[in-house]
């Protein structure tokens, strides 16, 4: 069941949303988006536009960066064990985000990596949410109008190398099907 107001994010979703100038939409559903330091480094390397929006979100504590070195030894041990177990299965960003979510028992990860999503959802209790699924959750939670969600989706799609060719309305149907049993308490 989706009910968390805190999530972990991988770099890809943050980069897409930030490059389109819509980073503020994360605050519609989440009080805080946590990212591992490794993900933050990747975001800084790949972010083309609106770096000031990222800095502002960090200053407002919407986005919180966690370095594994800041954690208690027992937490670092759990994370290291997870990293070792899945090191060859995911890229560093997804791996570090998933390890942190697993250690902190945070049930949501924002990621657009389909291969990582399959692995994460098959091997953990964590729910992966893509950028367009996040827009769906905002719409069904009455935090965003359908037309506004579609405009944001199109804005994101215009900034990526490989835009999604599926119409927004169809993606919303797919998200509704995925989340039909998990939406209780998420409004």
N, C-alpha and C. Protein backbone atom coordinates (compact mmCIF):
# COMPACT_ATOMS: atom_id res chain seq x y z
N UNK A 1 0.84 -1.18 0.00
CA UNK A 1 0.00 0.00 0.00
C UNK A 1 0.88 1.25 0.00
N UNK A 2 0.60 2.16 -0.86
CA UNK A 2 1.35 3.40 -0.93
C UNK A 2 0.78 4.37 0.10
N UNK A 3 1.59 4.77 1.06
CA UNK A 3 1.12 5.73 2.04
C UNK A 3 2.22 6.66 2.53
N UNK A 4 3.43 6.47 2.05
CA UNK A 4 4.57 7.22 2.51
C UNK A 4 4.57 8.66 2.02
N UNK A 5 5.07 9.55 2.81
CA UNK A 5 5.26 10.95 2.42
C UNK A 5 6.74 11.24 2.21
N UNK A 6 7.53 10.19 2.30
CA UNK A 6 8.97 10.27 2.07
C UNK A 6 9.32 9.22 1.03
N UNK A 7 10.19 9.56 0.12
CA UNK A 7 10.64 8.56 -0.85
C UNK A 7 12.13 8.72 -1.07
N UNK A 8 12.69 7.75 -1.74
CA UNK A 8 14.07 7.78 -2.19
C UNK A 8 14.01 8.01 -3.70
N UNK A 9 14.98 8.71 -4.24
CA UNK A 9 15.00 8.88 -5.69
C UNK A 9 16.34 8.47 -6.28
N UNK A 10 16.23 7.90 -7.45
CA UNK A 10 17.38 7.65 -8.30
C UNK A 10 17.61 8.94 -9.10
N UNK A 11 18.70 9.00 -9.80
CA UNK A 11 19.07 10.22 -10.52
C UNK A 11 18.17 10.51 -11.72
N UNK A 12 17.77 9.48 -12.46
CA UNK A 12 17.10 9.72 -13.74
C UNK A 12 15.83 10.55 -13.62
N UNK A 13 14.99 10.24 -12.64
CA UNK A 13 13.75 10.98 -12.47
C UNK A 13 14.04 12.43 -12.07
N UNK A 14 14.96 12.62 -11.13
CA UNK A 14 15.30 13.98 -10.72
C UNK A 14 15.84 14.80 -11.88
N UNK A 15 16.69 14.19 -12.68
CA UNK A 15 17.27 14.90 -13.82
C UNK A 15 16.18 15.30 -14.80
N UNK A 16 15.29 14.38 -15.13
CA UNK A 16 14.21 14.68 -16.08
C UNK A 16 13.29 15.79 -15.57
N UNK A 17 12.87 15.66 -14.32
CA UNK A 17 11.95 16.66 -13.77
C UNK A 17 12.64 18.01 -13.64
N UNK A 18 13.89 18.01 -13.20
CA UNK A 18 14.62 19.26 -13.03
C UNK A 18 14.93 19.92 -14.38
N UNK A 19 15.39 19.14 -15.35
CA UNK A 19 15.70 19.69 -16.67
C UNK A 19 14.48 20.30 -17.35
N UNK A 20 13.29 19.83 -16.98
CA UNK A 20 12.07 20.38 -17.57
C UNK A 20 11.56 21.59 -16.79
N UNK A 21 12.21 21.89 -15.66
CA UNK A 21 11.81 23.05 -14.87
C UNK A 21 10.65 22.80 -13.92
N UNK A 22 10.41 21.52 -13.58
CA UNK A 22 9.23 21.18 -12.76
C UNK A 22 9.58 20.46 -11.47
N UNK A 23 10.73 20.73 -10.91
CA UNK A 23 11.15 20.04 -9.70
C UNK A 23 10.18 20.25 -8.54
N UNK A 24 9.49 21.37 -8.54
CA UNK A 24 8.56 21.68 -7.44
C UNK A 24 7.41 20.70 -7.34
N UNK A 25 7.12 19.95 -8.40
CA UNK A 25 5.99 19.01 -8.32
C UNK A 25 6.23 17.90 -7.31
N UNK A 26 7.49 17.66 -6.97
CA UNK A 26 7.77 16.62 -5.97
C UNK A 26 7.13 16.94 -4.63
N UNK A 27 6.96 18.22 -4.34
CA UNK A 27 6.37 18.61 -3.05
C UNK A 27 4.86 18.41 -3.02
N UNK A 28 4.25 18.08 -4.15
CA UNK A 28 2.81 17.85 -4.16
C UNK A 28 2.43 16.62 -3.33
N UNK A 29 3.28 15.61 -3.34
CA UNK A 29 2.97 14.37 -2.63
C UNK A 29 3.98 14.02 -1.53
N UNK A 30 5.17 14.56 -1.63
CA UNK A 30 6.20 14.16 -0.68
C UNK A 30 6.66 15.33 0.18
N UNK A 31 6.86 15.04 1.45
CA UNK A 31 7.46 16.02 2.35
C UNK A 31 8.96 16.08 2.12
N UNK A 32 9.52 14.93 1.75
CA UNK A 32 10.96 14.88 1.54
C UNK A 32 11.32 13.77 0.55
N UNK A 33 12.27 14.08 -0.30
CA UNK A 33 12.83 13.13 -1.24
C UNK A 33 14.29 12.95 -0.83
N UNK A 34 14.63 11.74 -0.46
CA UNK A 34 15.99 11.45 0.00
C UNK A 34 16.79 10.88 -1.17
N UNK A 35 18.01 11.36 -1.29
CA UNK A 35 18.90 10.80 -2.31
C UNK A 35 20.25 10.48 -1.69
N UNK A 36 20.81 9.34 -2.04
CA UNK A 36 22.16 9.03 -1.60
C UNK A 36 23.16 10.00 -2.24
N UNK A 37 24.27 10.23 -1.59
CA UNK A 37 25.30 11.14 -2.12
C UNK A 37 25.73 10.71 -3.53
N UNK A 38 25.78 9.41 -3.78
CA UNK A 38 26.15 8.89 -5.10
C UNK A 38 25.16 9.36 -6.16
N UNK A 39 23.89 9.39 -5.85
CA UNK A 39 22.85 9.87 -6.77
C UNK A 39 23.00 11.37 -6.98
N UNK A 40 23.25 12.10 -5.91
CA UNK A 40 23.44 13.56 -6.01
C UNK A 40 24.60 13.88 -6.96
N UNK A 41 25.69 13.16 -6.83
CA UNK A 41 26.85 13.37 -7.71
C UNK A 41 26.47 13.13 -9.17
N UNK A 42 25.70 12.08 -9.43
CA UNK A 42 25.25 11.78 -10.79
C UNK A 42 24.32 12.87 -11.32
N UNK A 43 23.42 13.34 -10.48
CA UNK A 43 22.50 14.42 -10.89
C UNK A 43 23.30 15.65 -11.27
N UNK A 44 24.27 16.04 -10.45
CA UNK A 44 25.08 17.24 -10.75
C UNK A 44 25.84 17.09 -12.06
N UNK A 45 26.36 15.88 -12.32
CA UNK A 45 27.10 15.64 -13.56
C UNK A 45 26.21 15.74 -14.79
N UNK A 46 24.98 15.28 -14.69
CA UNK A 46 24.11 15.16 -15.86
C UNK A 46 23.08 16.28 -16.01
N UNK A 47 22.89 17.07 -14.99
CA UNK A 47 21.87 18.12 -15.04
C UNK A 47 22.32 19.21 -16.01
N UNK A 48 21.45 19.52 -16.98
CA UNK A 48 21.78 20.52 -17.99
C UNK A 48 21.23 21.90 -17.66
N UNK A 49 20.10 21.92 -16.96
CA UNK A 49 19.43 23.19 -16.70
C UNK A 49 18.87 23.21 -15.28
N UNK A 50 18.56 24.38 -14.83
CA UNK A 50 17.83 24.58 -13.56
C UNK A 50 18.57 24.03 -12.33
N UNK A 51 19.89 24.12 -12.32
CA UNK A 51 20.63 23.67 -11.14
C UNK A 51 20.22 24.46 -9.90
N UNK A 52 19.83 25.71 -10.12
CA UNK A 52 19.41 26.54 -8.98
C UNK A 52 18.13 25.98 -8.34
N UNK A 53 17.28 25.33 -9.14
CA UNK A 53 16.07 24.71 -8.59
C UNK A 53 16.44 23.56 -7.66
N UNK A 54 17.45 22.81 -8.05
CA UNK A 54 17.92 21.70 -7.21
C UNK A 54 18.48 22.25 -5.90
N UNK A 55 19.31 23.28 -5.99
CA UNK A 55 19.88 23.90 -4.79
C UNK A 55 18.78 24.43 -3.88
N UNK A 56 17.78 25.06 -4.46
CA UNK A 56 16.66 25.58 -3.68
C UNK A 56 15.89 24.46 -2.99
N UNK A 57 15.66 23.36 -3.69
CA UNK A 57 14.95 22.22 -3.10
C UNK A 57 15.75 21.62 -1.95
N UNK A 58 17.05 21.61 -2.07
CA UNK A 58 17.91 21.11 -0.99
C UNK A 58 17.85 22.08 0.19
N UNK A 59 17.94 23.38 -0.08
CA UNK A 59 17.88 24.39 0.98
C UNK A 59 16.55 24.34 1.74
N UNK A 60 15.46 24.06 1.01
CA UNK A 60 14.13 23.96 1.64
C UNK A 60 13.89 22.59 2.27
N UNK A 61 14.86 21.72 2.17
CA UNK A 61 14.82 20.36 2.71
C UNK A 61 13.76 19.48 2.06
N UNK A 62 13.32 19.86 0.84
CA UNK A 62 12.49 18.94 0.06
C UNK A 62 13.35 17.76 -0.37
N UNK A 63 14.58 18.06 -0.75
CA UNK A 63 15.54 17.02 -1.12
C UNK A 63 16.61 16.96 -0.05
N UNK A 64 16.84 15.77 0.45
CA UNK A 64 17.86 15.55 1.48
C UNK A 64 18.90 14.58 0.95
N UNK A 65 20.14 14.98 1.02
CA UNK A 65 21.24 14.13 0.57
C UNK A 65 21.80 13.38 1.78
N UNK A 66 21.93 12.08 1.63
CA UNK A 66 22.49 11.26 2.71
C UNK A 66 23.76 10.58 2.20
N UNK A 67 24.82 10.85 2.91
CA UNK A 67 26.09 10.16 2.65
C UNK A 67 26.14 8.94 3.56
N UNK A 68 26.51 7.81 3.01
CA UNK A 68 26.56 6.59 3.80
C UNK A 68 27.53 6.74 4.98
N UNK A 69 28.55 7.60 4.82
CA UNK A 69 29.52 7.78 5.91
C UNK A 69 28.89 8.46 7.13
N UNK A 70 27.73 9.12 6.95
CA UNK A 70 27.03 9.78 8.06
C UNK A 70 26.24 8.79 8.91
N UNK A 71 26.04 7.62 8.41
CA UNK A 71 25.15 6.67 9.06
C UNK A 71 25.85 5.91 10.19
N UNK A 72 25.06 5.30 11.04
CA UNK A 72 25.59 4.48 12.12
C UNK A 72 26.27 3.25 11.52
N UNK A 73 27.26 2.71 12.21
CA UNK A 73 27.97 1.54 11.68
C UNK A 73 27.04 0.37 11.32
N UNK A 74 26.03 0.12 12.12
CA UNK A 74 25.11 -0.99 11.82
C UNK A 74 24.33 -0.72 10.54
N UNK A 75 23.97 0.54 10.29
CA UNK A 75 23.27 0.91 9.05
C UNK A 75 24.20 0.76 7.85
N UNK A 76 25.45 1.21 8.01
CA UNK A 76 26.42 1.08 6.92
C UNK A 76 26.67 -0.40 6.60
N UNK A 77 26.69 -1.22 7.62
CA UNK A 77 26.89 -2.65 7.42
C UNK A 77 25.74 -3.25 6.61
N UNK A 78 24.51 -2.88 6.94
CA UNK A 78 23.35 -3.37 6.19
C UNK A 78 23.38 -2.91 4.74
N UNK A 79 23.76 -1.66 4.55
CA UNK A 79 23.84 -1.11 3.19
C UNK A 79 24.95 -1.79 2.40
N UNK A 80 26.11 -1.96 3.02
CA UNK A 80 27.23 -2.62 2.34
C UNK A 80 26.87 -4.05 1.93
N UNK A 81 26.15 -4.73 2.79
CA UNK A 81 25.72 -6.09 2.48
C UNK A 81 24.78 -6.08 1.27
N UNK A 82 23.85 -5.13 1.24
CA UNK A 82 22.93 -5.01 0.11
C UNK A 82 23.70 -4.66 -1.17
N UNK A 83 24.63 -3.70 -1.07
CA UNK A 83 25.42 -3.30 -2.24
C UNK A 83 26.19 -4.49 -2.80
N UNK A 84 26.77 -5.26 -1.93
CA UNK A 84 27.55 -6.43 -2.37
C UNK A 84 26.66 -7.46 -3.05
N UNK A 85 25.47 -7.66 -2.51
CA UNK A 85 24.55 -8.67 -3.05
C UNK A 85 24.05 -8.33 -4.45
N UNK A 86 23.88 -7.04 -4.75
CA UNK A 86 23.27 -6.63 -6.01
C UNK A 86 24.20 -5.81 -6.91
N UNK A 87 25.48 -5.76 -6.58
CA UNK A 87 26.45 -4.92 -7.28
C UNK A 87 26.46 -5.13 -8.80
N UNK A 88 26.32 -6.35 -9.23
CA UNK A 88 26.38 -6.64 -10.67
C UNK A 88 25.02 -6.57 -11.36
N UNK A 89 23.99 -6.23 -10.61
CA UNK A 89 22.63 -6.26 -11.15
C UNK A 89 22.06 -4.90 -11.49
N UNK A 90 22.62 -3.84 -10.91
CA UNK A 90 22.08 -2.49 -11.12
C UNK A 90 23.22 -1.50 -11.27
N UNK A 91 22.90 -0.35 -11.89
CA UNK A 91 23.85 0.75 -11.95
C UNK A 91 24.00 1.34 -10.54
N UNK A 92 25.07 2.09 -10.34
CA UNK A 92 25.36 2.64 -9.02
C UNK A 92 24.22 3.45 -8.42
N UNK A 93 23.60 4.32 -9.21
CA UNK A 93 22.53 5.17 -8.68
C UNK A 93 21.36 4.36 -8.16
N UNK A 94 20.86 3.45 -8.99
CA UNK A 94 19.74 2.60 -8.57
C UNK A 94 20.14 1.72 -7.38
N UNK A 95 21.34 1.21 -7.43
CA UNK A 95 21.82 0.33 -6.37
C UNK A 95 21.89 1.07 -5.03
N UNK A 96 22.47 2.25 -5.02
CA UNK A 96 22.60 3.02 -3.78
C UNK A 96 21.23 3.49 -3.28
N UNK A 97 20.36 3.91 -4.20
CA UNK A 97 19.02 4.33 -3.81
C UNK A 97 18.25 3.17 -3.19
N UNK A 98 18.34 2.01 -3.80
CA UNK A 98 17.63 0.83 -3.30
C UNK A 98 18.19 0.38 -1.96
N UNK A 99 19.50 0.39 -1.83
CA UNK A 99 20.12 0.00 -0.56
C UNK A 99 19.67 0.92 0.57
N UNK A 100 19.60 2.21 0.30
CA UNK A 100 19.16 3.17 1.32
C UNK A 100 17.69 2.96 1.65
N UNK A 101 16.86 2.79 0.64
CA UNK A 101 15.43 2.55 0.87
C UNK A 101 15.24 1.27 1.69
N UNK A 102 15.96 0.24 1.35
CA UNK A 102 15.86 -1.03 2.06
C UNK A 102 16.28 -0.87 3.52
N UNK A 103 17.38 -0.20 3.76
CA UNK A 103 17.88 -0.02 5.13
C UNK A 103 16.96 0.83 5.98
N UNK A 104 16.36 1.87 5.38
CA UNK A 104 15.48 2.78 6.13
C UNK A 104 14.01 2.37 6.08
N UNK A 105 13.72 1.24 5.44
CA UNK A 105 12.35 0.75 5.27
C UNK A 105 11.44 1.80 4.63
N UNK A 106 11.96 2.45 3.62
CA UNK A 106 11.18 3.41 2.84
C UNK A 106 10.65 2.65 1.63
N UNK A 107 9.33 2.68 1.45
CA UNK A 107 8.72 1.78 0.48
C UNK A 107 8.58 2.33 -0.94
N UNK A 108 9.09 3.53 -1.19
CA UNK A 108 8.97 4.12 -2.53
C UNK A 108 10.31 4.59 -3.08
N UNK A 109 10.54 4.27 -4.35
CA UNK A 109 11.70 4.79 -5.07
C UNK A 109 11.22 5.40 -6.37
N UNK A 110 11.67 6.60 -6.66
CA UNK A 110 11.43 7.21 -7.95
C UNK A 110 12.55 6.76 -8.88
N UNK A 111 12.19 6.03 -9.93
CA UNK A 111 13.17 5.59 -10.91
C UNK A 111 12.48 5.34 -12.25
N UNK A 112 13.19 5.63 -13.31
CA UNK A 112 12.67 5.37 -14.65
C UNK A 112 13.39 4.20 -15.32
N UNK A 113 14.24 3.52 -14.59
CA UNK A 113 14.98 2.39 -15.14
C UNK A 113 14.13 1.13 -15.04
N UNK A 114 13.65 0.63 -16.18
CA UNK A 114 12.75 -0.53 -16.17
C UNK A 114 13.41 -1.80 -15.68
N UNK A 115 14.69 -2.01 -16.05
CA UNK A 115 15.38 -3.22 -15.59
C UNK A 115 15.57 -3.19 -14.08
N UNK A 116 15.98 -2.04 -13.56
CA UNK A 116 16.14 -1.91 -12.11
C UNK A 116 14.79 -2.07 -11.42
N UNK A 117 13.74 -1.51 -11.99
CA UNK A 117 12.41 -1.61 -11.41
C UNK A 117 11.99 -3.07 -11.26
N UNK A 118 12.20 -3.85 -12.30
CA UNK A 118 11.84 -5.27 -12.23
C UNK A 118 12.60 -5.98 -11.10
N UNK A 119 13.88 -5.74 -11.04
CA UNK A 119 14.71 -6.38 -10.02
C UNK A 119 14.31 -5.92 -8.62
N UNK A 120 14.14 -4.62 -8.44
CA UNK A 120 13.80 -4.07 -7.12
C UNK A 120 12.46 -4.63 -6.65
N UNK A 121 11.48 -4.63 -7.53
CA UNK A 121 10.14 -5.07 -7.13
C UNK A 121 10.05 -6.59 -6.96
N UNK A 122 10.94 -7.33 -7.60
CA UNK A 122 10.95 -8.79 -7.42
C UNK A 122 11.73 -9.22 -6.19
N UNK A 123 12.70 -8.41 -5.78
CA UNK A 123 13.59 -8.81 -4.68
C UNK A 123 13.33 -8.07 -3.37
N UNK A 124 12.49 -7.06 -3.40
CA UNK A 124 12.22 -6.27 -2.18
C UNK A 124 10.72 -5.97 -2.11
N UNK A 125 10.32 -5.30 -1.07
CA UNK A 125 8.94 -4.83 -0.91
C UNK A 125 8.79 -3.39 -1.41
N UNK A 126 9.82 -2.86 -2.02
CA UNK A 126 9.86 -1.46 -2.46
C UNK A 126 9.05 -1.31 -3.75
N UNK A 127 8.29 -0.23 -3.83
CA UNK A 127 7.51 0.11 -5.01
C UNK A 127 8.27 1.16 -5.82
N UNK A 128 8.46 0.90 -7.08
CA UNK A 128 9.14 1.84 -7.97
C UNK A 128 8.11 2.67 -8.72
N UNK A 129 8.39 3.97 -8.81
CA UNK A 129 7.48 4.90 -9.47
C UNK A 129 8.27 5.68 -10.51
N UNK A 130 7.80 5.65 -11.75
CA UNK A 130 8.43 6.44 -12.82
C UNK A 130 7.90 7.87 -12.76
N UNK A 131 8.47 8.74 -13.58
CA UNK A 131 8.01 10.13 -13.56
C UNK A 131 6.56 10.25 -14.00
N UNK A 132 6.15 9.46 -14.97
CA UNK A 132 4.75 9.56 -15.42
C UNK A 132 3.79 8.88 -14.44
N UNK A 133 4.26 7.86 -13.72
CA UNK A 133 3.43 7.27 -12.67
C UNK A 133 3.27 8.25 -11.50
N UNK A 134 4.32 9.02 -11.24
CA UNK A 134 4.22 10.06 -10.20
C UNK A 134 3.16 11.10 -10.61
N UNK A 135 3.15 11.48 -11.88
CA UNK A 135 2.13 12.42 -12.35
C UNK A 135 0.73 11.83 -12.15
N UNK A 136 0.58 10.54 -12.43
CA UNK A 136 -0.70 9.87 -12.20
C UNK A 136 -1.12 9.98 -10.73
N UNK A 137 -0.19 9.71 -9.82
CA UNK A 137 -0.51 9.78 -8.40
C UNK A 137 -0.92 11.20 -8.00
N UNK A 138 -0.26 12.20 -8.58
CA UNK A 138 -0.64 13.59 -8.31
C UNK A 138 -2.06 13.87 -8.81
N UNK A 139 -2.39 13.34 -9.96
CA UNK A 139 -3.72 13.56 -10.55
C UNK A 139 -4.80 12.88 -9.72
N UNK A 140 -4.61 11.61 -9.37
CA UNK A 140 -5.65 10.90 -8.61
C UNK A 140 -5.74 11.39 -7.18
N UNK A 141 -4.71 12.07 -6.70
CA UNK A 141 -4.74 12.66 -5.36
C UNK A 141 -5.28 14.09 -5.39
N UNK A 142 -5.73 14.52 -6.56
CA UNK A 142 -6.28 15.87 -6.75
C UNK A 142 -5.28 16.97 -6.41
N UNK A 143 -4.02 16.70 -6.64
CA UNK A 143 -2.98 17.70 -6.45
C UNK A 143 -2.58 18.36 -7.76
N UNK A 144 -3.06 17.75 -8.86
CA UNK A 144 -2.70 18.21 -10.19
C UNK A 144 -3.84 17.86 -11.14
N UNK A 145 -4.22 18.81 -11.97
CA UNK A 145 -5.25 18.54 -12.97
C UNK A 145 -4.67 17.69 -14.09
N UNK A 146 -5.50 16.90 -14.73
CA UNK A 146 -5.05 16.02 -15.82
C UNK A 146 -4.30 16.82 -16.88
N UNK A 147 -4.86 17.94 -17.30
CA UNK A 147 -4.23 18.76 -18.35
C UNK A 147 -2.87 19.29 -17.92
N UNK A 148 -2.75 19.67 -16.65
CA UNK A 148 -1.46 20.14 -16.13
C UNK A 148 -0.46 19.00 -16.09
N UNK A 149 -0.91 17.81 -15.68
CA UNK A 149 -0.04 16.64 -15.69
C UNK A 149 0.44 16.31 -17.08
N UNK A 150 -0.45 16.40 -18.05
CA UNK A 150 -0.08 16.14 -19.43
C UNK A 150 0.93 17.17 -19.93
N UNK A 151 0.73 18.42 -19.56
CA UNK A 151 1.67 19.48 -19.98
C UNK A 151 3.06 19.24 -19.37
N UNK A 152 3.10 18.83 -18.12
CA UNK A 152 4.38 18.53 -17.48
C UNK A 152 5.03 17.32 -18.14
N UNK A 153 4.24 16.30 -18.42
CA UNK A 153 4.75 15.11 -19.11
C UNK A 153 5.36 15.50 -20.45
N UNK A 154 4.65 16.31 -21.22
CA UNK A 154 5.16 16.74 -22.53
C UNK A 154 6.41 17.59 -22.39
N UNK A 155 6.48 18.40 -21.34
CA UNK A 155 7.67 19.20 -21.09
C UNK A 155 8.86 18.29 -20.77
N UNK A 156 8.64 17.30 -19.93
CA UNK A 156 9.71 16.34 -19.62
C UNK A 156 10.11 15.58 -20.88
N UNK A 157 9.13 15.11 -21.63
CA UNK A 157 9.38 14.35 -22.85
C UNK A 157 10.21 15.15 -23.86
N UNK A 158 10.03 16.47 -23.86
CA UNK A 158 10.75 17.32 -24.82
C UNK A 158 12.22 17.50 -24.44
N UNK A 159 12.60 17.13 -23.21
CA UNK A 159 13.98 17.34 -22.77
C UNK A 159 14.84 16.08 -22.82
N UNK A 160 14.22 14.93 -23.09
CA UNK A 160 14.97 13.67 -23.03
C UNK A 160 15.42 13.20 -24.41
N UNK A 161 16.45 12.39 -24.43
CA UNK A 161 16.99 11.85 -25.67
C UNK A 161 16.03 10.86 -26.31
N UNK A 162 15.38 10.04 -25.48
CA UNK A 162 14.45 9.03 -25.96
C UNK A 162 13.07 9.29 -25.35
N UNK A 163 12.27 10.16 -25.99
CA UNK A 163 10.95 10.46 -25.44
C UNK A 163 10.02 9.25 -25.48
N UNK A 164 9.08 9.24 -24.57
CA UNK A 164 8.08 8.17 -24.51
C UNK A 164 7.07 8.42 -25.62
N UNK A 165 6.82 7.40 -26.45
CA UNK A 165 5.92 7.55 -27.58
C UNK A 165 4.47 7.20 -27.29
N UNK A 166 4.22 6.70 -26.09
CA UNK A 166 2.86 6.31 -25.71
C UNK A 166 2.09 7.56 -25.28
N UNK A 167 0.85 7.70 -25.75
CA UNK A 167 0.06 8.87 -25.34
C UNK A 167 -0.13 8.93 -23.82
N UNK A 168 -0.17 10.15 -23.30
CA UNK A 168 -0.29 10.37 -21.86
C UNK A 168 -1.52 9.67 -21.28
N UNK A 169 -2.65 9.75 -21.95
CA UNK A 169 -3.88 9.11 -21.44
C UNK A 169 -3.69 7.60 -21.28
N UNK A 170 -2.99 6.97 -22.21
CA UNK A 170 -2.72 5.54 -22.11
C UNK A 170 -1.78 5.24 -20.93
N UNK A 171 -0.78 6.08 -20.73
CA UNK A 171 0.11 5.89 -19.59
C UNK A 171 -0.65 6.01 -18.27
N UNK A 172 -1.62 6.93 -18.22
CA UNK A 172 -2.42 7.11 -17.00
C UNK A 172 -3.27 5.86 -16.73
N UNK A 173 -3.77 5.23 -17.79
CA UNK A 173 -4.52 3.98 -17.62
C UNK A 173 -3.61 2.88 -17.08
N UNK A 174 -2.39 2.80 -17.61
CA UNK A 174 -1.44 1.79 -17.14
C UNK A 174 -1.09 2.01 -15.67
N UNK A 175 -0.88 3.27 -15.30
CA UNK A 175 -0.55 3.58 -13.91
C UNK A 175 -1.73 3.24 -12.99
N UNK A 176 -2.95 3.56 -13.43
CA UNK A 176 -4.13 3.24 -12.63
C UNK A 176 -4.22 1.74 -12.38
N UNK A 177 -3.93 0.96 -13.38
CA UNK A 177 -3.96 -0.50 -13.23
C UNK A 177 -2.86 -0.96 -12.25
N UNK A 178 -1.67 -0.40 -12.39
CA UNK A 178 -0.57 -0.79 -11.51
C UNK A 178 -0.87 -0.47 -10.05
N UNK A 179 -1.46 0.69 -9.81
CA UNK A 179 -1.65 1.15 -8.44
C UNK A 179 -3.03 0.89 -7.86
N UNK A 180 -3.89 0.19 -8.57
CA UNK A 180 -5.28 0.04 -8.12
C UNK A 180 -5.41 -0.54 -6.72
N UNK A 181 -4.53 -1.44 -6.34
CA UNK A 181 -4.61 -2.04 -5.00
C UNK A 181 -3.66 -1.38 -4.01
N UNK A 182 -2.90 -0.39 -4.46
CA UNK A 182 -1.88 0.21 -3.60
C UNK A 182 -2.19 1.66 -3.23
N UNK A 183 -3.29 2.20 -3.65
CA UNK A 183 -3.55 3.62 -3.46
C UNK A 183 -4.23 3.99 -2.13
N UNK A 184 -4.65 3.04 -1.38
CA UNK A 184 -5.33 3.36 -0.13
C UNK A 184 -4.45 4.22 0.75
N UNK A 185 -4.98 5.30 1.24
CA UNK A 185 -4.23 6.19 2.13
C UNK A 185 -3.34 7.16 1.42
N UNK A 186 -3.30 7.17 0.12
CA UNK A 186 -2.42 8.08 -0.62
C UNK A 186 -3.26 9.15 -1.28
N UNK A 187 -3.55 10.18 -0.53
CA UNK A 187 -4.31 11.30 -1.10
C UNK A 187 -3.98 12.57 -0.38
